[in-house]
Amino acid sequence: MGFWENKRALVTGGAGFLGHFVTERLKAEGCRHIFAPRSKDYNLVRMEDVKRVYRDTKPDMVIHLAARVGGIGANRENPGSFFYDNLMMGVQLIEEGRLFGVGKFVAIGTICAYPKFTPVPFKEEDLWNGYPEETNAPYGLAKKMLLVQAQAYRQQYGFNAIYLLPVNLYGPGDNFDPMSSHVIPALIKKCVDAIESGQREIAVWGTGIPTREFLYVEDAAEGIVLAAERYDKPDPVNLGAGFEISIKDLAALIARLTGFEGNIVWDASKPDGQPRRMLDTERAEKEFGFKAKTSFEEGLRKTIKWYKSTLKK
């Protein structure tokens, strides 16, 4: 009998970008009872709705993906609501999960929880060695509190909660809204739109000097499901692909893959965000056998193809 066959899995954010791939992965692993509540039916910032989702779904496994997220611009404009919504969702889901008797809780953190100047590659031991990058610190710290809660609940109540730290995700189904998207969908949209409209120039935030690491969303889903099945320790675990690329090189790569041949203009008046980002991925491989499979260029090609397909509808 497979691990997932008789599990009742509650996947918050299960209808979202990452959630779609996690639920598909769970189905592929034989999970027949998957509940992905929609925010219009359950506002998980409200305690009454958290209690109700547990009553209605009766899970023995919770994978908490729901989050209020966005790029640098969205974080700068909404620091209070990003902090409050993410903190309250996680804190209440863990507390009610404990009271309900959930067998395991998988909390998804964020690379934004790391200090601004973390030595590269980021090791899980460095998580508390400084304050996060200012533009997304409220979001990063709200998500980091779930690690504190998970460890405290394990210590006091024996509650099996684990905490995963995925790097920036990308892939088909990503958020391409220019007001809130992250850098990869933002750049893809700028390049494709410029080609469509005949523009010879696109403007990009910052200097292009900072580096980032990206994990293809399907790989991230595999890592989360593997951890849910195999990992039961208090220590946080990075989920990444183990490489870094400068934003300048990323923009040039996306321009090439989309066919945009115009100029890229850098707006240095806009913030760069964290100077460098790359995760140490050894713990995930050692503890539950996760290693990213999708090459960056292959993942970008799939993402660009998906985005172009949405324009034809």
C-alpha atoms as a PDB file:
ATOM      1  CA  MET A   1       0.000   0.000   0.000  1.00  0.00           C
ATOM      2  CA  GLY A   2       1.436   3.421  -1.003  1.00  0.00           C
ATOM      3  CA  PHE A   3       2.134   6.123   1.571  1.00  0.00           C
ATOM      4  CA  TRP A   4      -0.505   8.457   0.124  1.00  0.00           C
ATOM      5  CA  GLU A   5      -3.274   5.987  -0.682  1.00  0.00           C
ATOM      6  CA  ASN A   6      -5.430   6.548   2.410  1.00  0.00           C
ATOM      7  CA  LYS A   7      -4.130   9.987   3.385  1.00  0.00           C
ATOM      8  CA  ARG A   8      -6.519  12.936   3.531  1.00  0.00           C
ATOM      9  CA  ALA A   9      -4.417  15.900   2.372  1.00  0.00           C
ATOM     10  CA  LEU A  10      -5.439  19.523   2.878  1.00  0.00           C
ATOM     11  CA  VAL A  11      -3.436  21.718   0.463  1.00  0.00           C
ATOM     12  CA  THR A  12      -3.984  25.406   1.225  1.00  0.00           C
ATOM     13  CA  GLY A  13      -3.357  27.454  -1.898  1.00  0.00           C
ATOM     14  CA  GLY A  14      -3.948  24.232  -3.812  1.00  0.00           C
ATOM     15  CA  ALA A  15      -5.631  26.074  -6.678  1.00  0.00           C
ATOM     16  CA  GLY A  16      -2.699  28.479  -7.070  1.00  0.00           C
ATOM     17  CA  PHE A  17       0.492  28.395  -9.146  1.00  0.00           C
ATOM     18  CA  LEU A  18       2.540  26.025  -6.956  1.00  0.00           C
ATOM     19  CA  GLY A  19      -0.562  24.376  -5.491  1.00  0.00           C
ATOM     20  CA  HIS A  20      -1.730  23.110  -8.890  1.00  0.00           C
ATOM     21  CA  PHE A  21       1.531  21.205  -9.365  1.00  0.00           C
ATOM     22  CA  VAL A  22       1.554  19.893  -5.785  1.00  0.00           C
ATOM     23  CA  THR A  23      -1.978  18.509  -6.107  1.00  0.00           C
ATOM     24  CA  GLU A  24      -1.099  16.913  -9.463  1.00  0.00           C
ATOM     25  CA  ARG A  25       1.970  15.332  -7.882  1.00  0.00           C
ATOM     26  CA  LEU A  26      -0.100  14.012  -4.978  1.00  0.00           C
ATOM     27  CA  LYS A  27      -2.555  12.449  -7.430  1.00  0.00           C
ATOM     28  CA  ALA A  28       0.330  10.834  -9.319  1.00  0.00           C
ATOM     29  CA  GLU A  29       1.573   9.382  -6.016  1.00  0.00           C
ATOM     30  CA  GLY A  30      -1.824   7.779  -5.360  1.00  0.00           C
ATOM     31  CA  CYS A  31      -3.450  10.314  -3.011  1.00  0.00           C
ATOM     32  CA  ARG A  32      -7.210  10.041  -3.549  1.00  0.00           C
ATOM     33  CA  HIS A  33      -8.413  12.532  -0.915  1.00  0.00           C
ATOM     34  CA  ILE A  34      -7.052  15.998  -1.728  1.00  0.00           C
ATOM     35  CA  PHE A  35      -8.775  19.166  -0.546  1.00  0.00           C
ATOM     36  CA  ALA A  36      -7.757  22.503  -2.072  1.00  0.00           C
ATOM     37  CA  PRO A  37      -9.987  25.172  -0.481  1.00  0.00           C
ATOM     38  CA  ARG A  38     -10.601  28.352  -2.463  1.00  0.00           C
ATOM     39  CA  SER A  39     -10.073  31.720  -0.780  1.00  0.00           C
ATOM     40  CA  LYS A  40     -13.611  32.805  -1.723  1.00  0.00           C
ATOM     41  CA  ASP A  41     -14.940  29.926   0.393  1.00  0.00           C
ATOM     42  CA  TYR A  42     -12.375  29.988   3.222  1.00  0.00           C
ATOM     43  CA  ASN A  43     -10.538  33.171   4.198  1.00  0.00           C
ATOM     44  CA  LEU A  44      -7.678  31.556   6.126  1.00  0.00           C
ATOM     45  CA  VAL A  45      -6.720  34.889   7.719  1.00  0.00           C
ATOM     46  CA  ARG A  46      -9.925  34.501   9.809  1.00  0.00           C
ATOM     47  CA  MET A  47      -9.850  31.980  12.668  1.00  0.00           C
ATOM     48  CA  GLU A  48     -13.499  30.941  12.128  1.00  0.00           C
ATOM     49  CA  ASP A  49     -12.691  29.902   8.543  1.00  0.00           C
ATOM     50  CA  VAL A  50      -9.582  28.009   9.661  1.00  0.00           C
ATOM     51  CA  LYS A  51     -11.664  26.035  12.164  1.00  0.00           C
ATOM     52  CA  ARG A  52     -14.286  25.397   9.477  1.00  0.00           C
ATOM     53  CA  VAL A  53     -11.780  24.131   6.893  1.00  0.00           C
ATOM     54  CA  TYR A  54     -10.538  21.543   9.399  1.00  0.00           C
ATOM     55  CA  ARG A  55     -14.089  20.478  10.258  1.00  0.00           C
ATOM     56  CA  ASP A  56     -15.078  20.233   6.597  1.00  0.00           C
ATOM     57  CA  THR A  57     -12.007  18.378   5.277  1.00  0.00           C
ATOM     58  CA  LYS A  58     -10.840  16.316   8.298  1.00  0.00           C
ATOM     59  CA  PRO A  59      -7.221  16.098   7.062  1.00  0.00           C
ATOM     60  CA  ASP A  60      -4.408  14.025   8.517  1.00  0.00           C
ATOM     61  CA  MET A  61      -1.796  15.879   6.407  1.00  0.00           C
ATOM     62  CA  VAL A  62      -1.657  19.644   5.804  1.00  0.00           C
ATOM     63  CA  ILE A  63       0.556  21.221   3.135  1.00  0.00           C
ATOM     64  CA  HIS A  64       0.339  24.970   3.711  1.00  0.00           C
ATOM     65  CA  LEU A  65       1.111  26.766   0.438  1.00  0.00           C
ATOM     66  CA  ALA A  66      -1.360  29.654   0.661  1.00  0.00           C
ATOM     67  CA  ALA A  67       0.459  32.983   0.859  1.00  0.00           C
ATOM     68  CA  ARG A  68       0.121  36.622  -0.064  1.00  0.00           C
ATOM     69  CA  VAL A  69       3.120  37.176  -2.341  1.00  0.00           C
ATOM     70  CA  GLY A  70       4.521  39.500  -4.990  1.00  0.00           C
ATOM     71  CA  GLY A  71       7.657  41.070  -6.401  1.00  0.00           C
ATOM     72  CA  ILE A  72       9.639  43.980  -4.952  1.00  0.00           C
ATOM     73  CA  GLY A  73       7.007  46.549  -5.973  1.00  0.00           C
ATOM     74  CA  ALA A  74       4.111  44.678  -4.365  1.00  0.00           C
ATOM     75  CA  ASN A  75       6.140  44.120  -1.176  1.00  0.00           C
ATOM     76  CA  ARG A  76       7.007  47.817  -0.913  1.00  0.00           C
ATOM     77  CA  GLU A  77       3.377  48.876  -1.335  1.00  0.00           C
ATOM     78  CA  ASN A  78       1.821  46.293   1.015  1.00  0.00           C
ATOM     79  CA  PRO A  79       4.271  45.585   3.876  1.00  0.00           C
ATOM     80  CA  GLY A  80       1.568  45.613   6.562  1.00  0.00           C
ATOM     81  CA  SER A  81      -0.941  43.353   4.834  1.00  0.00           C
ATOM     82  CA  PHE A  82       1.799  41.016   3.566  1.00  0.00           C
ATOM     83  CA  PHE A  83       3.009  40.634   7.165  1.00  0.00           C
ATOM     84  CA  TYR A  84      -0.402  40.240   8.779  1.00  0.00           C
ATOM     85  CA  ASP A  85      -2.049  37.957   6.225  1.00  0.00           C
ATOM     86  CA  ASN A  86       0.887  35.549   5.965  1.00  0.00           C
ATOM     87  CA  LEU A  87       1.476  35.446   9.718  1.00  0.00           C
ATOM     88  CA  MET A  88      -2.174  34.905  10.644  1.00  0.00           C
ATOM     89  CA  MET A  89      -2.784  32.220   8.040  1.00  0.00           C
ATOM     90  CA  GLY A  90       0.189  30.163   9.153  1.00  0.00           C
ATOM     91  CA  VAL A  91      -0.073  30.659  12.919  1.00  0.00           C
ATOM     92  CA  GLN A  92      -3.787  29.797  13.011  1.00  0.00           C
ATOM     93  CA  LEU A  93      -3.494  26.810  10.680  1.00  0.00           C
ATOM     94  CA  ILE A  94      -0.714  25.308  12.818  1.00  0.00           C
ATOM     95  CA  GLU A  95      -2.547  25.937  16.094  1.00  0.00           C
ATOM     96  CA  GLU A  96      -5.858  24.544  14.858  1.00  0.00           C
ATOM     97  CA  GLY A  97      -4.030  21.657  13.195  1.00  0.00           C
ATOM     98  CA  ARG A  98      -2.519  20.760  16.556  1.00  0.00           C
ATOM     99  CA  LEU A  99      -5.892  20.957  18.293  1.00  0.00           C
ATOM    100  CA  PHE A 100      -7.532  18.948  15.529  1.00  0.00           C
ATOM    101  CA  GLY A 101      -4.894  16.201  15.795  1.00  0.00           C
ATOM    102  CA  VAL A 102      -3.375  16.496  12.323  1.00  0.00           C
ATOM    103  CA  GLY A 103      -0.663  13.878  11.818  1.00  0.00           C
ATOM    104  CA  LYS A 104       1.736  16.170   9.953  1.00  0.00           C
ATOM    105  CA  PHE A 105       1.975  19.824   8.954  1.00  0.00           C
ATOM    106  CA  VAL A 106       4.210  20.974   6.092  1.00  0.00           C
ATOM    107  CA  ALA A 107       4.899  24.726   6.349  1.00  0.00           C
ATOM    108  CA  ILE A 108       6.298  26.445   3.274  1.00  0.00           C
ATOM    109  CA  GLY A 109       8.637  29.319   4.065  1.00  0.00           C
ATOM    110  CA  THR A 110      10.509  31.604   1.692  1.00  0.00           C
ATOM    111  CA  ILE A 111      14.045  32.509   0.692  1.00  0.00           C
ATOM    112  CA  CYS A 112      13.067  36.085   1.725  1.00  0.00           C
ATOM    113  CA  ALA A 113      13.452  34.891   5.336  1.00  0.00           C
ATOM    114  CA  TYR A 114      17.252  34.806   4.960  1.00  0.00           C
ATOM    115  CA  PRO A 115      19.392  37.759   6.118  1.00  0.00           C
ATOM    116  CA  LYS A 116      20.164  40.407   3.501  1.00  0.00           C
ATOM    117  CA  PHE A 117      23.879  39.595   3.507  1.00  0.00           C
ATOM    118  CA  THR A 118      23.913  35.813   3.788  1.00  0.00           C
ATOM    119  CA  PRO A 119      27.091  34.040   2.631  1.00  0.00           C
ATOM    120  CA  VAL A 120      26.504  32.231  -0.679  1.00  0.00           C
ATOM    121  CA  PRO A 121      25.380  29.490  -0.923  1.00  0.00           C
ATOM    122  CA  PHE A 122      22.730  30.085   1.776  1.00  0.00           C
ATOM    123  CA  LYS A 123      22.945  27.358   4.430  1.00  0.00           C
ATOM    124  CA  GLU A 124      20.004  26.696   6.731  1.00  0.00           C
ATOM    125  CA  GLU A 125      22.259  27.444   9.732  1.00  0.00           C
ATOM    126  CA  ASP A 126      22.580  31.083   8.536  1.00  0.00           C
ATOM    127  CA  LEU A 127      18.848  31.789   8.752  1.00  0.00           C
ATOM    128  CA  TRP A 128      19.102  33.827  11.970  1.00  0.00           C
ATOM    129  CA  ASN A 129      22.397  35.642  11.308  1.00  0.00           C
ATOM    130  CA  GLY A 130      20.919  39.030  10.383  1.00  0.00           C
ATOM    131  CA  TYR A 131      17.875  40.990   9.234  1.00  0.00           C
ATOM    132  CA  PRO A 132      16.219  40.214   5.866  1.00  0.00           C
ATOM    133  CA  GLU A 133      16.446  42.542   2.863  1.00  0.00           C
ATOM    134  CA  GLU A 134      14.292  45.550   3.724  1.00  0.00           C
ATOM    135  CA  THR A 135      11.859  45.560   0.786  1.00  0.00           C
ATOM    136  CA  ASN A 136      10.496  42.102   1.630  1.00  0.00           C
ATOM    137  CA  ALA A 137      11.409  41.780   5.316  1.00  0.00           C
ATOM    138  CA  PRO A 138       7.802  41.924   6.635  1.00  0.00           C
ATOM    139  CA  TYR A 139       6.797  39.050   4.353  1.00  0.00           C
ATOM    140  CA  GLY A 140       9.991  37.079   5.044  1.00  0.00           C
ATOM    141  CA  LEU A 141       9.729  37.488   8.821  1.00  0.00           C
ATOM    142  CA  ALA A 142       6.036  36.550   8.895  1.00  0.00           C
ATOM    143  CA  LYS A 143       6.866  33.299   7.123  1.00  0.00           C
ATOM    144  CA  LYS A 144       9.920  32.750   9.359  1.00  0.00           C
ATOM    145  CA  MET A 145       7.715  32.807  12.459  1.00  0.00           C
ATOM    146  CA  LEU A 146       6.143  29.580  11.211  1.00  0.00           C
ATOM    147  CA  LEU A 147       9.527  27.895  11.686  1.00  0.00           C
ATOM    148  CA  VAL A 148       9.647  29.155  15.279  1.00  0.00           C
ATOM    149  CA  GLN A 149       6.100  27.915  15.852  1.00  0.00           C
ATOM    150  CA  ALA A 150       6.743  24.539  14.205  1.00  0.00           C
ATOM    151  CA  GLN A 151       9.819  23.928  16.363  1.00  0.00           C
ATOM    152  CA  ALA A 152       8.105  25.141  19.546  1.00  0.00           C
ATOM    153  CA  TYR A 153       5.052  22.942  18.916  1.00  0.00           C
ATOM    154  CA  ARG A 154       7.236  19.930  18.219  1.00  0.00           C
ATOM    155  CA  GLN A 155       9.102  20.540  21.505  1.00  0.00           C
ATOM    156  CA  GLN A 156       6.028  21.146  23.684  1.00  0.00           C
ATOM    157  CA  TYR A 157       3.291  19.088  22.047  1.00  0.00           C
ATOM    158  CA  GLY A 158       5.155  16.534  19.905  1.00  0.00           C
ATOM    159  CA  PHE A 159       3.447  18.067  16.856  1.00  0.00           C
ATOM    160  CA  ASN A 160       5.054  16.864  13.618  1.00  0.00           C
ATOM    161  CA  ALA A 161       5.533  20.122  11.689  1.00  0.00           C
ATOM    162  CA  ILE A 162       8.306  20.581   9.112  1.00  0.00           C
ATOM    163  CA  TYR A 163       9.496  23.767   7.412  1.00  0.00           C
ATOM    164  CA  LEU A 164      10.738  24.087   3.823  1.00  0.00           C
ATOM    165  CA  LEU A 165      12.476  27.095   2.230  1.00  0.00           C
ATOM    166  CA  PRO A 166      11.928  27.170  -1.539  1.00  0.00           C
ATOM    167  CA  VAL A 167      13.903  29.558  -3.694  1.00  0.00           C
ATOM    168  CA  ASN A 168      12.108  31.768  -6.282  1.00  0.00           C
ATOM    169  CA  LEU A 169       9.792  29.598  -8.392  1.00  0.00           C
ATOM    170  CA  TYR A 170       8.855  29.938 -12.065  1.00  0.00           C
ATOM    171  CA  GLY A 171       7.011  27.936 -14.692  1.00  0.00           C
ATOM    172  CA  PRO A 172       3.715  27.566 -16.600  1.00  0.00           C
ATOM    173  CA  GLY A 173       0.811  29.156 -14.737  1.00  0.00           C
ATOM    174  CA  ASP A 174       2.977  31.797 -13.027  1.00  0.00           C
ATOM    175  CA  ASN A 175       1.604  35.258 -12.210  1.00  0.00           C
ATOM    176  CA  PHE A 176       2.158  37.556 -15.207  1.00  0.00           C
ATOM    177  CA  ASP A 177       0.358  40.589 -13.740  1.00  0.00           C
ATOM    178  CA  PRO A 178       2.911  43.451 -14.061  1.00  0.00           C
ATOM    179  CA  MET A 179       1.685  44.971 -10.770  1.00  0.00           C
ATOM    180  CA  SER A 180       2.617  41.938  -8.669  1.00  0.00           C
ATOM    181  CA  SER A 181       4.695  39.467 -10.707  1.00  0.00           C
ATOM    182  CA  HIS A 182       8.203  38.275  -9.936  1.00  0.00           C
ATOM    183  CA  VAL A 183      11.162  38.882 -12.215  1.00  0.00           C
ATOM    184  CA  ILE A 184      10.906  35.946 -14.679  1.00  0.00           C
ATOM    185  CA  PRO A 185       7.245  36.409 -15.698  1.00  0.00           C
ATOM    186  CA  ALA A 186       7.757  40.191 -15.681  1.00  0.00           C
ATOM    187  CA  LEU A 187      10.688  39.914 -18.119  1.00  0.00           C
ATOM    188  CA  ILE A 188       8.923  37.366 -20.339  1.00  0.00           C
ATOM    189  CA  LYS A 189       5.872  39.621 -20.587  1.00  0.00           C
ATOM    190  CA  LYS A 190       7.962  42.723 -21.326  1.00  0.00           C
ATOM    191  CA  CYS A 191       9.859  40.933 -24.131  1.00  0.00           C
ATOM    192  CA  VAL A 192       6.827  39.262 -25.708  1.00  0.00           C
ATOM    193  CA  ASP A 193       4.733  42.448 -25.479  1.00  0.00           C
ATOM    194  CA  ALA A 194       7.562  44.473 -27.042  1.00  0.00           C
ATOM    195  CA  ILE A 195       7.797  42.054 -29.979  1.00  0.00           C
ATOM    196  CA  GLU A 196       3.999  42.155 -30.455  1.00  0.00           C
ATOM    197  CA  SER A 197       3.864  45.952 -30.431  1.00  0.00           C
ATOM    198  CA  GLY A 198       7.111  46.560 -32.343  1.00  0.00           C
ATOM    199  CA  GLN A 199       8.888  48.288 -29.440  1.00  0.00           C
ATOM    200  CA  ARG A 200      12.679  48.425 -29.679  1.00  0.00           C
ATOM    201  CA  GLU A 201      13.306  48.937 -25.957  1.00  0.00           C
ATOM    202  CA  ILE A 202      12.234  47.531 -22.606  1.00  0.00           C
ATOM    203  CA  ALA A 203      12.890  49.019 -19.152  1.00  0.00           C
ATOM    204  CA  VAL A 204      13.915  46.778 -16.248  1.00  0.00           C
ATOM    205  CA  TRP A 205      14.122  47.648 -12.543  1.00  0.00           C
ATOM    206  CA  GLY A 206      17.508  48.049 -10.834  1.00  0.00           C
ATOM    207  CA  THR A 207      21.072  47.699 -12.049  1.00  0.00           C
ATOM    208  CA  GLY A 208      20.990  44.081 -13.182  1.00  0.00           C
ATOM    209  CA  ILE A 209      23.914  43.254 -10.864  1.00  0.00           C
ATOM    210  CA  PRO A 210      22.144  41.148  -8.183  1.00  0.00           C
ATOM    211  CA  THR A 211      22.009  37.382  -8.617  1.00  0.00           C
ATOM    212  CA  ARG A 212      19.071  35.035  -8.170  1.00  0.00           C
ATOM    213  CA  GLU A 213      18.398  31.323  -8.131  1.00  0.00           C
ATOM    214  CA  PHE A 214      15.250  29.826  -9.632  1.00  0.00           C
ATOM    215  CA  LEU A 215      13.497  26.492  -9.196  1.00  0.00           C
ATOM    216  CA  TYR A 216      11.097  25.116 -11.816  1.00  0.00           C
ATOM    217  CA  VAL A 217       7.670  24.785 -10.216  1.00  0.00           C
ATOM    218  CA  GLU A 218       7.246  21.089 -11.084  1.00  0.00           C
ATOM    219  CA  ASP A 219      10.548  20.307  -9.361  1.00  0.00           C
ATOM    220  CA  ALA A 220       9.445  22.313  -6.308  1.00  0.00           C
ATOM    221  CA  ALA A 221       6.223  20.288  -6.127  1.00  0.00           C
ATOM    222  CA  GLU A 222       8.222  17.059  -6.222  1.00  0.00           C
ATOM    223  CA  GLY A 223      10.455  18.286  -3.383  1.00  0.00           C
ATOM    224  CA  ILE A 224       7.486  19.297  -1.216  1.00  0.00           C
ATOM    225  CA  VAL A 225       5.707  15.957  -1.691  1.00  0.00           C
ATOM    226  CA  LEU A 226       8.923  14.023  -0.997  1.00  0.00           C
ATOM    227  CA  ALA A 227       9.471  16.003   2.226  1.00  0.00           C
ATOM    228  CA  ALA A 228       5.853  15.479   3.277  1.00  0.00           C
ATOM    229  CA  GLU A 229       6.359  11.742   2.861  1.00  0.00           C
ATOM    230  CA  ARG A 230       9.895  11.242   4.161  1.00  0.00           C
ATOM    231  CA  TYR A 231      11.072  14.131   6.381  1.00  0.00           C
ATOM    232  CA  ASP A 232      10.131  14.405  10.062  1.00  0.00           C
ATOM    233  CA  LYS A 233      12.783  16.613  11.699  1.00  0.00           C
ATOM    234  CA  PRO A 234      12.677  20.114  13.247  1.00  0.00           C
ATOM    235  CA  ASP A 235      15.462  21.585  11.091  1.00  0.00           C
ATOM    236  CA  PRO A 236      14.448  23.816   8.145  1.00  0.00           C
ATOM    237  CA  VAL A 237      15.319  22.552   4.657  1.00  0.00           C
ATOM    238  CA  ASN A 238      16.185  24.547   1.523  1.00  0.00           C
ATOM    239  CA  LEU A 239      14.555  23.615  -1.778  1.00  0.00           C
ATOM    240  CA  GLY A 240      16.521  24.926  -4.724  1.00  0.00           C
ATOM    241  CA  ALA A 241      18.381  24.146  -7.916  1.00  0.00           C
ATOM    242  CA  GLY A 242      21.851  25.151  -6.659  1.00  0.00           C
ATOM    243  CA  PHE A 243      22.854  27.824  -9.207  1.00  0.00           C
ATOM    244  CA  GLU A 244      22.792  31.624  -9.470  1.00  0.00           C
ATOM    245  CA  ILE A 245      22.408  33.986 -12.414  1.00  0.00           C
ATOM    246  CA  SER A 246      22.651  37.779 -12.499  1.00  0.00           C
ATOM    247  CA  ILE A 247      19.481  39.690 -13.379  1.00  0.00           C
ATOM    248  CA  LYS A 248      21.393  41.191 -16.334  1.00  0.00           C
ATOM    249  CA  ASP A 249      22.238  37.736 -17.701  1.00  0.00           C
ATOM    250  CA  LEU A 250      18.693  36.566 -16.978  1.00  0.00           C
ATOM    251  CA  ALA A 251      17.231  39.446 -19.003  1.00  0.00           C
ATOM    252  CA  ALA A 252      19.588  38.695 -21.912  1.00  0.00           C
ATOM    253  CA  LEU A 253      18.673  34.990 -21.783  1.00  0.00           C
ATOM    254  CA  ILE A 254      14.918  35.666 -21.761  1.00  0.00           C
ATOM    255  CA  ALA A 255      15.340  38.191 -24.605  1.00  0.00           C
ATOM    256  CA  ARG A 256      17.127  35.508 -26.667  1.00  0.00           C
ATOM    257  CA  LEU A 257      14.564  32.785 -25.909  1.00  0.00           C
ATOM    258  CA  THR A 258      11.596  35.049 -26.707  1.00  0.00           C
ATOM    259  CA  GLY A 259      13.251  36.508 -29.822  1.00  0.00           C
ATOM    260  CA  PHE A 260      13.382  40.099 -28.533  1.00  0.00           C
ATOM    261  CA  GLU A 261      16.315  41.867 -30.228  1.00  0.00           C
ATOM    262  CA  GLY A 262      15.851  45.401 -28.903  1.00  0.00           C
ATOM    263  CA  ASN A 263      17.614  47.270 -26.095  1.00  0.00           C
ATOM    264  CA  ILE A 264      17.309  46.553 -22.386  1.00  0.00           C
ATOM    265  CA  VAL A 265      17.400  49.774 -20.350  1.00  0.00           C
ATOM    266  CA  TRP A 266      18.163  49.536 -16.617  1.00  0.00           C
ATOM    267  CA  ASP A 267      16.314  51.858 -14.238  1.00  0.00           C
ATOM    268  CA  ALA A 268      18.834  52.231 -11.408  1.00  0.00           C
ATOM    269  CA  SER A 269      16.429  54.486  -9.487  1.00  0.00           C
ATOM    270  CA  LYS A 270      14.439  51.338  -8.645  1.00  0.00           C
ATOM    271  CA  PRO A 271      15.617  48.937  -5.900  1.00  0.00           C
ATOM    272  CA  ASP A 272      17.711  45.851  -6.624  1.00  0.00           C
ATOM    273  CA  GLY A 273      16.501  43.805  -3.654  1.00  0.00           C
ATOM    274  CA  GLN A 274      18.839  41.298  -2.011  1.00  0.00           C
ATOM    275  CA  PRO A 275      22.384  41.419  -3.487  1.00  0.00           C
ATOM    276  CA  ARG A 276      22.807  37.655  -4.060  1.00  0.00           C
ATOM    277  CA  ARG A 277      20.681  34.534  -3.693  1.00  0.00           C
ATOM    278  CA  MET A 278      21.684  30.928  -4.019  1.00  0.00           C
ATOM    279  CA  LEU A 279      20.795  28.045  -1.732  1.00  0.00           C
ATOM    280  CA  ASP A 280      22.870  25.192  -0.418  1.00  0.00           C
ATOM    281  CA  THR A 281      20.726  22.196  -1.417  1.00  0.00           C
ATOM    282  CA  GLU A 282      22.636  19.358   0.276  1.00  0.00           C
ATOM    283  CA  ARG A 283      20.218  18.810   3.169  1.00  0.00           C
ATOM    284  CA  ALA A 284      17.204  18.142   0.916  1.00  0.00           C
ATOM    285  CA  GLU A 285      19.134  15.568  -1.091  1.00  0.00           C
ATOM    286  CA  LYS A 286      20.527  13.878   2.029  1.00  0.00           C
ATOM    287  CA  GLU A 287      17.288  13.845   4.047  1.00  0.00           C
ATOM    288  CA  PHE A 288      14.659  12.981   1.452  1.00  0.00           C
ATOM    289  CA  GLY A 289      16.419  12.462  -1.872  1.00  0.00           C
ATOM    290  CA  PHE A 290      15.379  15.665  -3.619  1.00  0.00           C
ATOM    291  CA  LYS A 291      17.445  17.081  -6.476  1.00  0.00           C
ATOM    292  CA  ALA A 292      16.099  19.481  -9.110  1.00  0.00           C
ATOM    293  CA  LYS A 293      15.813  17.874 -12.545  1.00  0.00           C
ATOM    294  CA  THR A 294      14.769  20.643 -14.966  1.00  0.00           C
ATOM    295  CA  SER A 295      17.550  22.671 -16.588  1.00  0.00           C
ATOM    296  CA  PHE A 296      17.021  26.426 -16.384  1.00  0.00           C
ATOM    297  CA  GLU A 297      16.849  26.986 -20.140  1.00  0.00           C
ATOM    298  CA  GLU A 298      14.397  24.104 -20.586  1.00  0.00           C
ATOM    299  CA  GLY A 299      12.185  25.484 -17.811  1.00  0.00           C
ATOM    300  CA  LEU A 300      12.250  28.976 -19.334  1.00  0.00           C
ATOM    301  CA  ARG A 301      11.315  27.613 -22.771  1.00  0.00           C
ATOM    302  CA  LYS A 302       8.310  25.800 -21.261  1.00  0.00           C
ATOM    303  CA  THR A 303       7.250  28.941 -19.373  1.00  0.00           C
ATOM    304  CA  ILE A 304       7.539  31.172 -22.455  1.00  0.00           C
ATOM    305  CA  LYS A 305       5.620  28.647 -24.560  1.00  0.00           C
ATOM    306  CA  TRP A 306       2.842  28.524 -21.957  1.00  0.00           C
ATOM    307  CA  TYR A 307       2.604  32.328 -21.726  1.00  0.00           C
ATOM    308  CA  LYS A 308       2.431  32.709 -25.509  1.00  0.00           C
ATOM    309  CA  SER A 309      -0.336  30.077 -25.619  1.00  0.00           C
ATOM    310  CA  THR A 310      -2.453  32.188 -23.233  1.00  0.00           C
ATOM    311  CA  LEU A 311      -2.249  35.160 -25.628  1.00  0.00           C
ATOM    312  CA  LYS A 312      -3.900  33.177 -28.435  1.00  0.00           C
ATOM    313  CA  LYS A 313      -7.037  32.458 -26.396  1.00  0.00           C
END
